[in-house]
Amino acid sequence: MQPTTSRRYKRKAASGQRAPRIDGLDDLANINREQLAKFLDVDPSTTYRLQKQPGFPQPFRVGNSVRWLVSEVREYIQRQADARPSVRRQKALDDQADATRPRLGGRPRKAAITRAAE
């Protein structure tokens, strides 16, 4: 079953119109729902569900338009990235496990020498 996409979103995608990238925008710049959806790579209707999640930036109104601050969207994305297990942290744990694992022959590792001395 294919995910549903709003007609308006399909029309814009078919017409080749693109929302401006928020990478080059100032932190105080604001973006509308379609630009937010484009940046998050989701359907605009998904932003309604995201809006209800705790921690997602709350929009504000400019006239009849709903807007988000670019800085808050960037912070949300960074928090989401920080919440996942880090590849670097996993590598550090793997290295630590390797240091405690006995080796078959050869010179002992420094970590094993310092533990034996304690």
PDB file of N, CA and C in Angstrom:
ATOM      1  N   MET A   1       0.839  -1.174   0.000  1.00  0.00           N
ATOM      2  CA  MET A   1       0.000   0.000   0.000  1.00  0.00           C
ATOM      3  C   MET A   1       0.885   1.239   0.000  1.00  0.00           C
ATOM      4  N   GLN A   2       0.631   2.153  -0.905  1.00  0.00           N
ATOM      5  CA  GLN A   2       1.427   3.367  -1.008  1.00  0.00           C
ATOM      6  C   GLN A   2       0.974   4.394   0.012  1.00  0.00           C
ATOM      7  N   PRO A   3       1.927   5.182   0.551  1.00  0.00           N
ATOM      8  CA  PRO A   3       1.521   6.243   1.474  1.00  0.00           C
ATOM      9  C   PRO A   3       0.711   7.300   0.744  1.00  0.00           C
ATOM     10  N   THR A   4      -0.241   7.842   1.454  1.00  0.00           N
ATOM     11  CA  THR A   4      -1.076   8.871   0.841  1.00  0.00           C
ATOM     12  C   THR A   4      -0.354  10.208   0.861  1.00  0.00           C
ATOM     13  N   THR A   5      -0.555  10.971  -0.156  1.00  0.00           N
ATOM     14  CA  THR A   5       0.047  12.289  -0.272  1.00  0.00           C
ATOM     15  C   THR A   5      -1.042  13.268  -0.689  1.00  0.00           C
ATOM     16  N   SER A   6      -1.013  14.435  -0.079  1.00  0.00           N
ATOM     17  CA  SER A   6      -2.042  15.419  -0.399  1.00  0.00           C
ATOM     18  C   SER A   6      -1.918  15.862  -1.859  1.00  0.00           C
ATOM     19  N   ARG A   7      -3.045  16.234  -2.445  1.00  0.00           N
ATOM     20  CA  ARG A   7      -3.052  16.673  -3.847  1.00  0.00           C
ATOM     21  C   ARG A   7      -2.192  17.915  -4.053  1.00  0.00           C
ATOM     22  N   ARG A   8      -2.268  18.812  -3.089  1.00  0.00           N
ATOM     23  CA  ARG A   8      -1.520  20.061  -3.188  1.00  0.00           C
ATOM     24  C   ARG A   8      -0.017  19.775  -3.218  1.00  0.00           C
ATOM     25  N   TYR A   9       0.419  18.853  -2.372  1.00  0.00           N
ATOM     26  CA  TYR A   9       1.830  18.484  -2.318  1.00  0.00           C
ATOM     27  C   TYR A   9       2.253  17.828  -3.630  1.00  0.00           C
ATOM     28  N   LYS A  10       1.406  16.969  -4.184  1.00  0.00           N
ATOM     29  CA  LYS A  10       1.705  16.305  -5.456  1.00  0.00           C
ATOM     30  C   LYS A  10       1.805  17.323  -6.589  1.00  0.00           C
ATOM     31  N   ARG A  11       0.893  18.304  -6.595  1.00  0.00           N
ATOM     32  CA  ARG A  11       0.919  19.326  -7.639  1.00  0.00           C
ATOM     33  C   ARG A  11       2.207  20.126  -7.577  1.00  0.00           C
ATOM     34  N   LYS A  12       2.606  20.520  -6.380  1.00  0.00           N
ATOM     35  CA  LYS A  12       3.829  21.310  -6.233  1.00  0.00           C
ATOM     36  C   LYS A  12       5.032  20.493  -6.653  1.00  0.00           C
ATOM     37  N   ALA A  13       5.053  19.210  -6.273  1.00  0.00           N
ATOM     38  CA  ALA A  13       6.179  18.349  -6.636  1.00  0.00           C
ATOM     39  C   ALA A  13       6.221  18.152  -8.144  1.00  0.00           C
ATOM     40  N   ALA A  14       5.049  18.000  -8.757  1.00  0.00           N
ATOM     41  CA  ALA A  14       4.989  17.789 -10.202  1.00  0.00           C
ATOM     42  C   ALA A  14       5.373  19.054 -10.966  1.00  0.00           C
ATOM     43  N   SER A  15       5.082  20.209 -10.390  1.00  0.00           N
ATOM     44  CA  SER A  15       5.382  21.455 -11.088  1.00  0.00           C
ATOM     45  C   SER A  15       6.862  21.826 -10.999  1.00  0.00           C
ATOM     46  N   GLY A  16       7.599  21.127 -10.157  1.00  0.00           N
ATOM     47  CA  GLY A  16       9.027  21.393 -10.040  1.00  0.00           C
ATOM     48  C   GLY A  16       9.368  22.522  -9.089  1.00  0.00           C
ATOM     49  N   GLN A  17       8.366  23.079  -8.391  1.00  0.00           N
ATOM     50  CA  GLN A  17       8.644  24.140  -7.431  1.00  0.00           C
ATOM     51  C   GLN A  17       9.309  23.537  -6.210  1.00  0.00           C
ATOM     52  N   ARG A  18      10.328  24.195  -5.729  1.00  0.00           N
ATOM     53  CA  ARG A  18      11.034  23.697  -4.561  1.00  0.00           C
ATOM     54  C   ARG A  18      10.988  24.737  -3.457  1.00  0.00           C
ATOM     55  N   ALA A  19      10.866  24.249  -2.243  1.00  0.00           N
ATOM     56  CA  ALA A  19      10.932  25.143  -1.096  1.00  0.00           C
ATOM     57  C   ALA A  19      12.388  25.545  -0.889  1.00  0.00           C
ATOM     58  N   PRO A  20      12.634  26.755  -0.450  1.00  0.00           N
ATOM     59  CA  PRO A  20      14.018  27.162  -0.237  1.00  0.00           C
ATOM     60  C   PRO A  20      14.662  26.323   0.867  1.00  0.00           C
ATOM     61  N   ARG A  21      15.937  26.038   0.720  1.00  0.00           N
ATOM     62  CA  ARG A  21      16.661  25.283   1.728  1.00  0.00           C
ATOM     63  C   ARG A  21      16.814  26.164   2.953  1.00  0.00           C
ATOM     64  N   ILE A  22      16.704  25.565   4.132  1.00  0.00           N
ATOM     65  CA  ILE A  22      16.863  26.377   5.333  1.00  0.00           C
ATOM     66  C   ILE A  22      18.295  26.374   5.821  1.00  0.00           C
ATOM     67  N   ASP A  23      19.171  25.653   5.136  1.00  0.00           N
ATOM     68  CA  ASP A  23      20.577  25.638   5.539  1.00  0.00           C
ATOM     69  C   ASP A  23      21.182  27.032   5.487  1.00  0.00           C
ATOM     70  N   GLY A  24      20.871  27.788   4.455  1.00  0.00           N
ATOM     71  CA  GLY A  24      21.466  29.100   4.281  1.00  0.00           C
ATOM     72  C   GLY A  24      20.682  30.223   4.930  1.00  0.00           C
ATOM     73  N   LEU A  25      19.596  29.906   5.605  1.00  0.00           N
ATOM     74  CA  LEU A  25      18.759  30.953   6.198  1.00  0.00           C
ATOM     75  C   LEU A  25      19.259  31.366   7.573  1.00  0.00           C
ATOM     76  N   ASP A  26      18.965  32.596   7.936  1.00  0.00           N
ATOM     77  CA  ASP A  26      19.287  33.132   9.246  1.00  0.00           C
ATOM     78  C   ASP A  26      18.461  32.404  10.307  1.00  0.00           C
ATOM     79  N   ASP A  27      18.974  32.330  11.536  1.00  0.00           N
ATOM     80  CA  ASP A  27      18.261  31.631  12.614  1.00  0.00           C
ATOM     81  C   ASP A  27      16.917  32.272  12.947  1.00  0.00           C
ATOM     82  N   LEU A  28      16.771  33.567  12.709  1.00  0.00           N
ATOM     83  CA  LEU A  28      15.512  34.235  13.007  1.00  0.00           C
ATOM     84  C   LEU A  28      14.521  34.175  11.851  1.00  0.00           C
ATOM     85  N   ALA A  29      14.938  33.584  10.738  1.00  0.00           N
ATOM     86  CA  ALA A  29      14.029  33.432   9.603  1.00  0.00           C
ATOM     87  C   ALA A  29      12.919  32.464   9.994  1.00  0.00           C
ATOM     88  N   ASN A  30      11.780  32.569   9.320  1.00  0.00           N
ATOM     89  CA  ASN A  30      10.694  31.639   9.612  1.00  0.00           C
ATOM     90  C   ASN A  30      10.269  30.943   8.326  1.00  0.00           C
ATOM     91  N   ILE A  31       9.756  29.723   8.497  1.00  0.00           N
ATOM     92  CA  ILE A  31       9.347  28.908   7.349  1.00  0.00           C
ATOM     93  C   ILE A  31       7.912  28.456   7.549  1.00  0.00           C
ATOM     94  N   ASN A  32       7.218  28.227   6.438  1.00  0.00           N
ATOM     95  CA  ASN A  32       5.833  27.770   6.529  1.00  0.00           C
ATOM     96  C   ASN A  32       5.787  26.243   6.584  1.00  0.00           C
ATOM     97  N   ARG A  33       4.585  25.696   6.652  1.00  0.00           N
ATOM     98  CA  ARG A  33       4.405  24.256   6.811  1.00  0.00           C
ATOM     99  C   ARG A  33       4.999  23.472   5.638  1.00  0.00           C
ATOM    100  N   GLU A  34       4.806  23.949   4.433  1.00  0.00           N
ATOM    101  CA  GLU A  34       5.330  23.233   3.260  1.00  0.00           C
ATOM    102  C   GLU A  34       6.853  23.236   3.254  1.00  0.00           C
ATOM    103  N   GLN A  35       7.464  24.348   3.622  1.00  0.00           N
ATOM    104  CA  GLN A  35       8.921  24.412   3.690  1.00  0.00           C
ATOM    105  C   GLN A  35       9.448  23.495   4.794  1.00  0.00           C
ATOM    106  N   LEU A  36       8.740  23.462   5.921  1.00  0.00           N
ATOM    107  CA  LEU A  36       9.111  22.573   7.017  1.00  0.00           C
ATOM    108  C   LEU A  36       9.044  21.112   6.566  1.00  0.00           C
ATOM    109  N   ALA A  37       7.961  20.756   5.889  1.00  0.00           N
ATOM    110  CA  ALA A  37       7.799  19.381   5.407  1.00  0.00           C
ATOM    111  C   ALA A  37       8.890  19.031   4.410  1.00  0.00           C
ATOM    112  N   LYS A  38       9.224  19.955   3.550  1.00  0.00           N
ATOM    113  CA  LYS A  38      10.265  19.718   2.555  1.00  0.00           C
ATOM    114  C   LYS A  38      11.610  19.494   3.237  1.00  0.00           C
ATOM    115  N   PHE A  39      11.912  20.292   4.246  1.00  0.00           N
ATOM    116  CA  PHE A  39      13.182  20.159   4.948  1.00  0.00           C
ATOM    117  C   PHE A  39      13.254  18.848   5.723  1.00  0.00           C
ATOM    118  N   LEU A  40      12.136  18.452   6.356  1.00  0.00           N
ATOM    119  CA  LEU A  40      12.115  17.199   7.116  1.00  0.00           C
ATOM    120  C   LEU A  40      11.911  15.981   6.226  1.00  0.00           C
ATOM    121  N   ASP A  41      11.651  16.219   4.945  1.00  0.00           N
ATOM    122  CA  ASP A  41      11.417  15.159   3.960  1.00  0.00           C
ATOM    123  C   ASP A  41      10.215  14.300   4.351  1.00  0.00           C
ATOM    124  N   VAL A  42       9.124  14.973   4.705  1.00  0.00           N
ATOM    125  CA  VAL A  42       7.866  14.310   5.039  1.00  0.00           C
ATOM    126  C   VAL A  42       6.734  15.011   4.294  1.00  0.00           C
ATOM    127  N   ASP A  43       5.576  14.377   4.296  1.00  0.00           N
ATOM    128  CA  ASP A  43       4.394  14.977   3.709  1.00  0.00           C
ATOM    129  C   ASP A  43       3.927  16.125   4.615  1.00  0.00           C
ATOM    130  N   PRO A  44       3.390  17.199   4.060  1.00  0.00           N
ATOM    131  CA  PRO A  44       2.922  18.297   4.913  1.00  0.00           C
ATOM    132  C   PRO A  44       1.917  17.860   5.980  1.00  0.00           C
ATOM    133  N   SER A  45       1.105  16.852   5.693  1.00  0.00           N
ATOM    134  CA  SER A  45       0.143  16.394   6.697  1.00  0.00           C
ATOM    135  C   SER A  45       0.841  15.746   7.895  1.00  0.00           C
ATOM    136  N   THR A  46       2.045  15.224   7.708  1.00  0.00           N
ATOM    137  CA  THR A  46       2.803  14.620   8.807  1.00  0.00           C
ATOM    138  C   THR A  46       3.228  15.669   9.821  1.00  0.00           C
ATOM    139  N   THR A  47       3.384  16.901   9.392  1.00  0.00           N
ATOM    140  CA  THR A  47       3.805  17.946  10.322  1.00  0.00           C
ATOM    141  C   THR A  47       2.755  18.191  11.406  1.00  0.00           C
ATOM    142  N   TYR A  48       1.477  17.896  11.112  1.00  0.00           N
ATOM    143  CA  TYR A  48       0.439  18.040  12.135  1.00  0.00           C
ATOM    144  C   TYR A  48       0.677  17.039  13.265  1.00  0.00           C
ATOM    145  N   ARG A  49       1.044  15.814  12.904  1.00  0.00           N
ATOM    146  CA  ARG A  49       1.317  14.781  13.903  1.00  0.00           C
ATOM    147  C   ARG A  49       2.585  15.115  14.677  1.00  0.00           C
ATOM    148  N   LEU A  50       3.611  15.572  13.976  1.00  0.00           N
ATOM    149  CA  LEU A  50       4.856  15.951  14.642  1.00  0.00           C
ATOM    150  C   LEU A  50       4.627  17.091  15.622  1.00  0.00           C
ATOM    151  N   GLN A  51       3.752  18.007  15.255  1.00  0.00           N
ATOM    152  CA  GLN A  51       3.450  19.176  16.083  1.00  0.00           C
ATOM    153  C   GLN A  51       2.893  18.776  17.437  1.00  0.00           C
ATOM    154  N   LYS A  52       2.224  17.624  17.518  1.00  0.00           N
ATOM    155  CA  LYS A  52       1.630  17.156  18.775  1.00  0.00           C
ATOM    156  C   LYS A  52       2.642  16.461  19.674  1.00  0.00           C
ATOM    157  N   GLN A  53       3.805  16.093  19.128  1.00  0.00           N
ATOM    158  CA  GLN A  53       4.820  15.404  19.916  1.00  0.00           C
ATOM    159  C   GLN A  53       5.512  16.378  20.859  1.00  0.00           C
ATOM    160  N   PRO A  54       5.819  15.911  22.079  1.00  0.00           N
ATOM    161  CA  PRO A  54       6.562  16.791  22.987  1.00  0.00           C
ATOM    162  C   PRO A  54       7.963  17.038  22.448  1.00  0.00           C
ATOM    163  N   GLY A  55       8.423  18.249  22.558  1.00  0.00           N
ATOM    164  CA  GLY A  55       9.752  18.595  22.087  1.00  0.00           C
ATOM    165  C   GLY A  55       9.790  19.175  20.689  1.00  0.00           C
ATOM    166  N   PHE A  56       8.709  18.981  19.926  1.00  0.00           N
ATOM    167  CA  PHE A  56       8.684  19.551  18.582  1.00  0.00           C
ATOM    168  C   PHE A  56       8.398  21.042  18.708  1.00  0.00           C
ATOM    169  N   PRO A  57       9.086  21.882  17.941  1.00  0.00           N
ATOM    170  CA  PRO A  57       8.871  23.330  18.061  1.00  0.00           C
ATOM    171  C   PRO A  57       7.425  23.724  17.757  1.00  0.00           C
ATOM    172  N   GLN A  58       6.908  24.597  18.572  1.00  0.00           N
ATOM    173  CA  GLN A  58       5.537  25.066  18.376  1.00  0.00           C
ATOM    174  C   GLN A  58       5.524  26.222  17.379  1.00  0.00           C
ATOM    175  N   PRO A  59       4.541  26.221  16.485  1.00  0.00           N
ATOM    176  CA  PRO A  59       4.481  27.282  15.485  1.00  0.00           C
ATOM    177  C   PRO A  59       3.902  28.576  16.052  1.00  0.00           C
ATOM    178  N   PHE A  60       4.040  29.612  15.289  1.00  0.00           N
ATOM    179  CA  PHE A  60       3.391  30.882  15.615  1.00  0.00           C
ATOM    180  C   PHE A  60       2.704  31.373  14.353  1.00  0.00           C
ATOM    181  N   ARG A  61       1.799  32.308  14.493  1.00  0.00           N
ATOM    182  CA  ARG A  61       1.027  32.792  13.355  1.00  0.00           C
ATOM    183  C   ARG A  61       1.528  34.147  12.885  1.00  0.00           C
ATOM    184  N   VAL A  62       1.570  34.279  11.575  1.00  0.00           N
ATOM    185  CA  VAL A  62       1.830  35.563  10.926  1.00  0.00           C
ATOM    186  C   VAL A  62       0.645  35.749   9.989  1.00  0.00           C
ATOM    187  N   GLY A  63      -0.309  36.554  10.417  1.00  0.00           N
ATOM    188  CA  GLY A  63      -1.557  36.681   9.658  1.00  0.00           C
ATOM    189  C   GLY A  63      -2.305  35.359   9.704  1.00  0.00           C
ATOM    190  N   ASN A  64      -2.630  34.803   8.559  1.00  0.00           N
ATOM    191  CA  ASN A  64      -3.310  33.513   8.497  1.00  0.00           C
ATOM    192  C   ASN A  64      -2.333  32.349   8.326  1.00  0.00           C
ATOM    193  N   SER A  65      -1.069  32.650   8.250  1.00  0.00           N
ATOM    194  CA  SER A  65      -0.045  31.644   7.976  1.00  0.00           C
ATOM    195  C   SER A  65       0.576  31.122   9.272  1.00  0.00           C
ATOM    196  N   VAL A  66       0.876  29.822   9.315  1.00  0.00           N
ATOM    197  CA  VAL A  66       1.553  29.196  10.448  1.00  0.00           C
ATOM    198  C   VAL A  66       3.034  29.110  10.100  1.00  0.00           C
ATOM    199  N   ARG A  67       3.894  29.539  11.029  1.00  0.00           N
ATOM    200  CA  ARG A  67       5.331  29.595  10.778  1.00  0.00           C
ATOM    201  C   ARG A  67       6.118  28.961  11.920  1.00  0.00           C
ATOM    202  N   TRP A  68       7.349  28.510  11.593  1.00  0.00           N
ATOM    203  CA  TRP A  68       8.295  27.989  12.571  1.00  0.00           C
ATOM    204  C   TRP A  68       9.599  28.753  12.433  1.00  0.00           C
ATOM    205  N   LEU A  69      10.276  28.991  13.541  1.00  0.00           N
ATOM    206  CA  LEU A  69      11.593  29.608  13.499  1.00  0.00           C
ATOM    207  C   LEU A  69      12.609  28.569  13.048  1.00  0.00           C
ATOM    208  N   VAL A  70      13.475  28.942  12.143  1.00  0.00           N
ATOM    209  CA  VAL A  70      14.489  28.034  11.616  1.00  0.00           C
ATOM    210  C   VAL A  70      15.387  27.529  12.738  1.00  0.00           C
ATOM    211  N   SER A  71      15.748  28.400  13.673  1.00  0.00           N
ATOM    212  CA  SER A  71      16.631  27.995  14.773  1.00  0.00           C
ATOM    213  C   SER A  71      16.005  26.883  15.613  1.00  0.00           C
ATOM    214  N   GLU A  72      14.686  26.963  15.863  1.00  0.00           N
ATOM    215  CA  GLU A  72      14.012  25.931  16.655  1.00  0.00           C
ATOM    216  C   GLU A  72      13.940  24.603  15.899  1.00  0.00           C
ATOM    217  N   VAL A  73      13.750  24.665  14.596  1.00  0.00           N
ATOM    218  CA  VAL A  73      13.712  23.439  13.789  1.00  0.00           C
ATOM    219  C   VAL A  73      15.085  22.788  13.790  1.00  0.00           C
ATOM    220  N   ARG A  74      16.130  23.585  13.648  1.00  0.00           N
ATOM    221  CA  ARG A  74      17.494  23.043  13.690  1.00  0.00           C
ATOM    222  C   ARG A  74      17.789  22.401  15.047  1.00  0.00           C
ATOM    223  N   GLU A  75      17.380  23.061  16.129  1.00  0.00           N
ATOM    224  CA  GLU A  75      17.596  22.515  17.473  1.00  0.00           C
ATOM    225  C   GLU A  75      16.862  21.187  17.644  1.00  0.00           C
ATOM    226  N   TYR A  76      15.639  21.091  17.140  1.00  0.00           N
ATOM    227  CA  TYR A  76      14.862  19.855  17.229  1.00  0.00           C
ATOM    228  C   TYR A  76      15.584  18.724  16.498  1.00  0.00           C
ATOM    229  N   ILE A  77      16.060  19.003  15.297  1.00  0.00           N
ATOM    230  CA  ILE A  77      16.755  17.987  14.518  1.00  0.00           C
ATOM    231  C   ILE A  77      18.040  17.560  15.236  1.00  0.00           C
ATOM    232  N   GLN A  78      18.750  18.515  15.823  1.00  0.00           N
ATOM    233  CA  GLN A  78      19.975  18.183  16.552  1.00  0.00           C
ATOM    234  C   GLN A  78      19.671  17.325  17.774  1.00  0.00           C
ATOM    235  N   ARG A  79      18.582  17.645  18.502  1.00  0.00           N
ATOM    236  CA  ARG A  79      18.195  16.828  19.666  1.00  0.00           C
ATOM    237  C   ARG A  79      17.850  15.408  19.239  1.00  0.00           C
ATOM    238  N   GLN A  80      17.154  15.271  18.106  1.00  0.00           N
ATOM    239  CA  GLN A  80      16.810  13.949  17.600  1.00  0.00           C
ATOM    240  C   GLN A  80      18.075  13.169  17.245  1.00  0.00           C
ATOM    241  N   ALA A  81      19.039  13.842  16.643  1.00  0.00           N
ATOM    242  CA  ALA A  81      20.291  13.179  16.274  1.00  0.00           C
ATOM    243  C   ALA A  81      21.089  12.790  17.513  1.00  0.00           C
ATOM    244  N   ASP A  82      21.089  13.653  18.531  1.00  0.00           N
ATOM    245  CA  ASP A  82      21.825  13.364  19.764  1.00  0.00           C
ATOM    246  C   ASP A  82      21.194  12.235  20.561  1.00  0.00           C
ATOM    247  N   ALA A  83      19.899  12.030  20.403  1.00  0.00           N
ATOM    248  CA  ALA A  83      19.194  11.009  21.167  1.00  0.00           C
ATOM    249  C   ALA A  83      19.483   9.600  20.663  1.00  0.00           C
ATOM    250  N   ARG A  84      19.941   9.467  19.435  1.00  0.00           N
ATOM    251  CA  ARG A  84      20.202   8.130  18.904  1.00  0.00           C
ATOM    252  C   ARG A  84      21.577   7.655  19.357  1.00  0.00           C
ATOM    253  N   PRO A  85      21.773   6.341  19.385  1.00  0.00           N
ATOM    254  CA  PRO A  85      23.092   5.844  19.785  1.00  0.00           C
ATOM    255  C   PRO A  85      24.157   6.341  18.816  1.00  0.00           C
ATOM    256  N   SER A  86      25.196   6.864  19.362  1.00  0.00           N
ATOM    257  CA  SER A  86      26.250   7.437  18.536  1.00  0.00           C
ATOM    258  C   SER A  86      27.178   6.358  18.015  1.00  0.00           C
ATOM    259  N   VAL A  87      27.586   6.521  16.802  1.00  0.00           N
ATOM    260  CA  VAL A  87      28.538   5.587  16.221  1.00  0.00           C
ATOM    261  C   VAL A  87      29.867   5.695  16.960  1.00  0.00           C
ATOM    262  N   ARG A  88      30.240   6.930  17.313  1.00  0.00           N
ATOM    263  CA  ARG A  88      31.506   7.110  18.038  1.00  0.00           C
ATOM    264  C   ARG A  88      31.445   6.456  19.413  1.00  0.00           C
ATOM    265  N   ARG A  89      30.320   6.591  20.109  1.00  0.00           N
ATOM    266  CA  ARG A  89      30.193   5.984  21.422  1.00  0.00           C
ATOM    267  C   ARG A  89      30.250   4.468  21.315  1.00  0.00           C
ATOM    268  N   GLN A  90      29.611   3.915  20.280  1.00  0.00           N
ATOM    269  CA  GLN A  90      29.636   2.483  20.076  1.00  0.00           C
ATOM    270  C   GLN A  90      31.059   2.013  19.784  1.00  0.00           C
ATOM    271  N   LYS A  91      31.800   2.789  18.995  1.00  0.00           N
ATOM    272  CA  LYS A  91      33.176   2.433  18.682  1.00  0.00           C
ATOM    273  C   LYS A  91      34.024   2.459  19.948  1.00  0.00           C
ATOM    274  N   ALA A  92      33.804   3.444  20.813  1.00  0.00           N
ATOM    275  CA  ALA A  92      34.542   3.519  22.071  1.00  0.00           C
ATOM    276  C   ALA A  92      34.249   2.305  22.944  1.00  0.00           C
ATOM    277  N   LEU A  93      32.987   1.882  22.989  1.00  0.00           N
ATOM    278  CA  LEU A  93      32.630   0.694  23.759  1.00  0.00           C
ATOM    279  C   LEU A  93      33.283  -0.551  23.176  1.00  0.00           C
ATOM    280  N   ASP A  94      33.333  -0.634  21.856  1.00  0.00           N
ATOM    281  CA  ASP A  94      33.980  -1.776  21.204  1.00  0.00           C
ATOM    282  C   ASP A  94      35.478  -1.795  21.506  1.00  0.00           C
ATOM    283  N   ASP A  95      36.117  -0.616  21.465  1.00  0.00           N
ATOM    284  CA  ASP A  95      37.548  -0.535  21.769  1.00  0.00           C
ATOM    285  C   ASP A  95      37.816  -0.925  23.216  1.00  0.00           C
ATOM    286  N   GLN A  96      36.928  -0.518  24.109  1.00  0.00           N
ATOM    287  CA  GLN A  96      37.077  -0.853  25.511  1.00  0.00           C
ATOM    288  C   GLN A  96      36.940  -2.361  25.707  1.00  0.00           C
ATOM    289  N   ALA A  97      36.011  -2.972  25.012  1.00  0.00           N
ATOM    290  CA  ALA A  97      35.838  -4.423  25.099  1.00  0.00           C
ATOM    291  C   ALA A  97      37.053  -5.149  24.534  1.00  0.00           C
ATOM    292  N   ASP A  98      37.624  -4.611  23.468  1.00  0.00           N
ATOM    293  CA  ASP A  98      38.828  -5.217  22.889  1.00  0.00           C
ATOM    294  C   ASP A  98      40.001  -5.148  23.858  1.00  0.00           C
ATOM    295  N   ALA A  99      40.101  -4.055  24.616  1.00  0.00           N
ATOM    296  CA  ALA A  99      41.215  -3.889  25.549  1.00  0.00           C
ATOM    297  C   ALA A  99      41.131  -4.892  26.690  1.00  0.00           C
ATOM    298  N   THR A 100      39.944  -5.299  27.080  1.00  0.00           N
ATOM    299  CA  THR A 100      39.797  -6.241  28.187  1.00  0.00           C
ATOM    300  C   THR A 100      39.804  -7.693  27.717  1.00  0.00           C
ATOM    301  N   ARG A 101      39.647  -7.917  26.435  1.00  0.00           N
ATOM    302  CA  ARG A 101      39.633  -9.271  25.887  1.00  0.00           C
ATOM    303  C   ARG A 101      41.059  -9.817  25.861  1.00  0.00           C
ATOM    304  N   PRO A 102      41.269 -11.048  26.361  1.00  0.00           N
ATOM    305  CA  PRO A 102      42.626 -11.605  26.330  1.00  0.00           C
ATOM    306  C   PRO A 102      43.093 -11.839  24.896  1.00  0.00           C
ATOM    307  N   ARG A 103      44.361 -11.587  24.672  1.00  0.00           N
ATOM    308  CA  ARG A 103      44.952 -11.789  23.349  1.00  0.00           C
ATOM    309  C   ARG A 103      45.638 -13.142  23.301  1.00  0.00           C
ATOM    310  N   LEU A 104      45.730 -13.678  22.119  1.00  0.00           N
ATOM    311  CA  LEU A 104      46.413 -14.941  21.916  1.00  0.00           C
ATOM    312  C   LEU A 104      47.853 -14.653  21.504  1.00  0.00           C
ATOM    313  N   GLY A 105      48.774 -14.697  22.455  1.00  0.00           N
ATOM    314  CA  GLY A 105      50.182 -14.477  22.148  1.00  0.00           C
ATOM    315  C   GLY A 105      50.488 -13.019  21.939  1.00  0.00           C
ATOM    316  N   GLY A 106      51.764 -12.733  21.752  1.00  0.00           N
ATOM    317  CA  GLY A 106      52.169 -11.358  21.522  1.00  0.00           C
ATOM    318  C   GLY A 106      52.306 -10.587  22.816  1.00  0.00           C
ATOM    319  N   ARG A 107      52.620  -9.344  22.695  1.00  0.00           N
ATOM    320  CA  ARG A 107      52.818  -8.480  23.842  1.00  0.00           C
ATOM    321  C   ARG A 107      51.471  -8.061  24.418  1.00  0.00           C
ATOM    322  N   PRO A 108      51.312  -8.041  25.756  1.00  0.00           N
ATOM    323  CA  PRO A 108      50.019  -7.626  26.335  1.00  0.00           C
ATOM    324  C   PRO A 108      49.752  -6.148  26.093  1.00  0.00           C
ATOM    325  N   ARG A 109      48.484  -5.796  26.040  1.00  0.00           N
ATOM    326  CA  ARG A 109      48.104  -4.400  25.838  1.00  0.00           C
ATOM    327  C   ARG A 109      48.338  -3.598  27.099  1.00  0.00           C
ATOM    328  N   LYS A 110      48.456  -2.280  26.946  1.00  0.00           N
ATOM    329  CA  LYS A 110      48.722  -1.396  28.076  1.00  0.00           C
ATOM    330  C   LYS A 110      47.644  -1.496  29.142  1.00  0.00           C
ATOM    331  N   ALA A 111      46.383  -1.604  28.731  1.00  0.00           N
ATOM    332  CA  ALA A 111      45.283  -1.669  29.693  1.00  0.00           C
ATOM    333  C   ALA A 111      45.421  -2.904  30.558  1.00  0.00           C
ATOM    334  N   ALA A 112      45.836  -4.013  29.995  1.00  0.00           N
ATOM    335  CA  ALA A 112      45.995  -5.246  30.751  1.00  0.00           C
ATOM    336  C   ALA A 112      47.185  -5.134  31.704  1.00  0.00           C
ATOM    337  N   ILE A 113      48.239  -4.434  31.294  1.00  0.00           N
ATOM    338  CA  ILE A 113      49.420  -4.261  32.146  1.00  0.00           C
ATOM    339  C   ILE A 113      49.064  -3.407  33.341  1.00  0.00           C
ATOM    340  N   THR A 114      48.349  -2.302  33.148  1.00  0.00           N
ATOM    341  CA  THR A 114      47.994  -1.418  34.259  1.00  0.00           C
ATOM    342  C   THR A 114      47.030  -2.097  35.217  1.00  0.00           C
ATOM    343  N   ARG A 115      46.135  -2.936  34.747  1.00  0.00           N
ATOM    344  CA  ARG A 115      45.223  -3.659  35.627  1.00  0.00           C
ATOM    345  C   ARG A 115      45.975  -4.677  36.462  1.00  0.00           C
ATOM    346  N   ALA A 116      46.946  -5.330  35.869  1.00  0.00           N
ATOM    347  CA  ALA A 116      47.717  -6.342  36.594  1.00  0.00           C
ATOM    348  C   ALA A 116      48.558  -5.695  37.696  1.00  0.00           C
ATOM    349  N   ALA A 117      48.999  -4.464  37.470  1.00  0.00           N
ATOM    350  CA  ALA A 117      49.818  -3.763  38.443  1.00  0.00           C
ATOM    351  C   ALA A 117      48.991  -3.297  39.636  1.00  0.00           C
ATOM    352  N   GLU A 118      47.694  -3.128  39.465  1.00  0.00           N
ATOM    353  CA  GLU A 118      46.833  -2.613  40.544  1.00  0.00           C
ATOM    354  C   GLU A 118      46.542  -3.628  41.553  1.00  0.00           C
TER     355      GLU A 118
END
